[in-house]
Amino acid sequence: MKINKENIPVAMEGPGTIMRIQDNFGGMTICFNEVPKGTDFGPLLNGLQNNSCHCPHWGYVMSGKMLVTYDDGTEEVLSGGDMYYLPNGHTAIVQEDIKILEFSPSKEFNEVITHVGKKMAELGG
């Protein structure tokens, strides 16, 4: 089973943003995201438990930088070349335009992305 990045459906596109999402790829959801500096995921997660993402993610940062904050208050910066695991209970702010490839369990990912879609509609985005 394989897929070319260009064949992953575009789920969202905007200034500096392209989010490609392939659901249920072997039980995981694949995302290839390009997100601009200054993007704060916090407001989109408001209303979820602890106002944070409850979906774990495994990924690779191709370029850019992102500050991740965990529910326990710890923080770490993900930078180009980093492979990562984000357990449930996190949020993030993009510090430099970022390109990431990410894998997430489809069930939890769909719960979070459905919530994010509703928040974007509420916030007018």
Protein backbone atom coordinates (compact mmCIF):
# COMPACT_ATOMS: atom_id res chain seq x y z
CA MET A 1 0.00 0.00 0.00
CA LYS A 2 1.46 3.37 -0.96
CA ILE A 3 0.40 6.89 -1.87
CA ASN A 4 2.24 9.82 -3.41
CA LYS A 5 2.10 13.05 -1.41
CA GLU A 6 0.49 14.81 -4.37
CA ASN A 7 -2.35 12.25 -4.29
CA ILE A 8 -3.23 12.91 -0.65
CA PRO A 9 -6.46 14.96 -0.78
CA VAL A 10 -6.20 18.64 0.16
CA ALA A 11 -8.46 19.14 3.20
CA MET A 12 -7.68 22.82 3.77
CA GLU A 13 -5.89 25.50 1.82
CA GLY A 14 -5.30 29.13 2.66
CA PRO A 15 -2.55 31.74 2.71
CA GLY A 16 0.62 29.78 3.47
CA THR A 17 -1.38 26.71 4.45
CA ILE A 18 -1.89 23.40 2.69
CA MET A 19 -3.19 20.50 4.75
CA ARG A 20 -3.39 17.14 2.99
CA ILE A 21 -5.20 14.33 4.82
CA GLN A 22 -5.60 10.66 3.88
CA ASP A 23 -7.93 8.93 6.33
CA ASN A 24 -7.77 5.24 7.25
CA PHE A 25 -4.46 4.39 5.62
CA GLY A 26 -3.90 1.10 7.43
CA GLY A 27 -5.82 2.35 10.46
CA MET A 28 -3.82 5.58 10.57
CA THR A 29 -4.45 8.99 9.08
CA ILE A 30 -1.60 10.47 7.08
CA CYS A 31 -1.16 14.24 7.00
CA PHE A 32 1.26 16.31 4.97
CA ASN A 33 0.95 19.86 6.25
CA GLU A 34 2.50 23.18 5.36
CA VAL A 35 1.57 25.78 7.99
CA PRO A 36 2.76 29.40 8.31
CA LYS A 37 4.63 31.06 11.14
CA GLY A 38 2.32 32.39 13.84
CA THR A 39 -0.32 29.67 13.56
CA ASP A 40 -1.61 28.95 17.07
CA PHE A 41 -3.60 25.72 17.34
CA GLY A 42 -4.79 26.59 20.86
CA PRO A 43 -7.98 28.48 19.91
CA LEU A 44 -9.02 25.60 17.63
CA LEU A 45 -8.71 23.12 20.49
CA ASN A 46 -10.75 25.11 23.01
CA GLY A 47 -13.59 22.97 24.28
CA LEU A 48 -11.71 19.67 24.10
CA GLN A 49 -10.50 18.08 27.35
CA ASN A 50 -7.87 20.42 28.85
CA ASN A 51 -8.29 22.56 25.69
CA SER A 52 -5.71 20.38 24.02
CA CYS A 53 -5.38 17.67 21.37
CA HIS A 54 -6.16 14.18 22.66
CA CYS A 55 -4.84 12.44 19.53
CA PRO A 56 -1.28 11.09 19.56
CA HIS A 57 0.88 11.85 16.51
CA TRP A 58 4.08 10.42 15.06
CA GLY A 59 5.85 12.56 12.51
CA TYR A 60 8.81 14.14 10.80
CA VAL A 61 9.57 17.86 10.47
CA MET A 62 10.89 18.52 6.98
CA SER A 63 11.53 22.20 7.65
CA GLY A 64 10.52 24.92 10.06
CA LYS A 65 9.95 25.10 13.78
CA MET A 66 7.02 24.54 16.15
CA LEU A 67 6.68 25.01 19.90
CA VAL A 68 4.69 22.19 21.50
CA THR A 69 3.16 22.65 24.96
CA TYR A 70 1.93 19.63 26.92
CA ASP A 71 -0.87 19.51 29.50
CA ASP A 72 1.71 19.17 32.29
CA GLY A 73 3.24 22.52 31.27
CA THR A 74 6.39 21.15 29.68
CA GLU A 75 7.42 22.49 26.29
CA GLU A 76 9.67 21.43 23.48
CA VAL A 77 10.58 22.82 20.08
CA LEU A 78 10.34 20.62 17.00
CA SER A 79 12.70 21.66 14.19
CA GLY A 80 13.59 20.57 10.67
CA GLY A 81 15.04 17.04 10.71
CA ASP A 82 13.28 16.02 13.95
CA MET A 83 11.20 12.86 14.16
CA TYR A 84 8.63 13.09 16.93
CA TYR A 85 5.94 11.48 18.99
CA LEU A 86 3.31 13.75 20.55
CA PRO A 87 1.25 11.93 23.18
CA ASN A 88 -2.31 13.00 23.85
CA GLY A 89 -2.59 16.31 25.71
CA HIS A 90 -0.75 18.91 23.65
CA THR A 91 -1.11 22.10 21.64
CA ALA A 92 1.33 23.99 19.42
CA ILE A 93 2.35 27.32 17.93
CA VAL A 94 4.27 27.46 14.63
CA GLN A 95 7.43 29.55 15.14
CA GLU A 96 8.77 29.28 11.56
CA ASP A 97 6.85 28.19 8.45
CA ILE A 98 6.70 24.42 8.85
CA LYS A 99 6.34 21.34 6.66
CA ILE A 100 5.51 18.11 8.47
CA LEU A 101 4.56 14.55 7.63
CA GLU A 102 2.41 13.05 10.38
CA PHE A 103 0.69 9.77 11.23
CA SER A 104 -2.19 9.56 13.71
CA PRO A 105 -4.77 6.95 14.78
CA SER A 106 -7.79 7.63 12.56
CA LYS A 107 -10.45 7.45 15.28
CA GLU A 108 -8.89 10.06 17.56
CA PHE A 109 -7.72 12.20 14.64
CA ASN A 110 -11.26 12.36 13.24
CA GLU A 111 -12.63 13.41 16.63
CA VAL A 112 -10.14 16.27 16.84
CA ILE A 113 -10.42 17.41 13.22
CA THR A 114 -14.22 17.47 13.44
CA HIS A 115 -13.94 19.74 16.49
CA VAL A 116 -11.34 21.93 14.74
CA GLY A 117 -13.66 22.32 11.74
CA LYS A 118 -16.49 23.51 13.99
CA LYS A 119 -14.17 25.97 15.78
CA MET A 120 -12.92 27.35 12.47
CA ALA A 121 -16.51 27.97 11.38
CA GLU A 122 -17.25 29.71 14.70
CA LEU A 123 -14.13 31.86 14.40
CA GLY A 124 -14.92 32.75 10.81
CA GLY A 125 -11.94 30.90 9.29
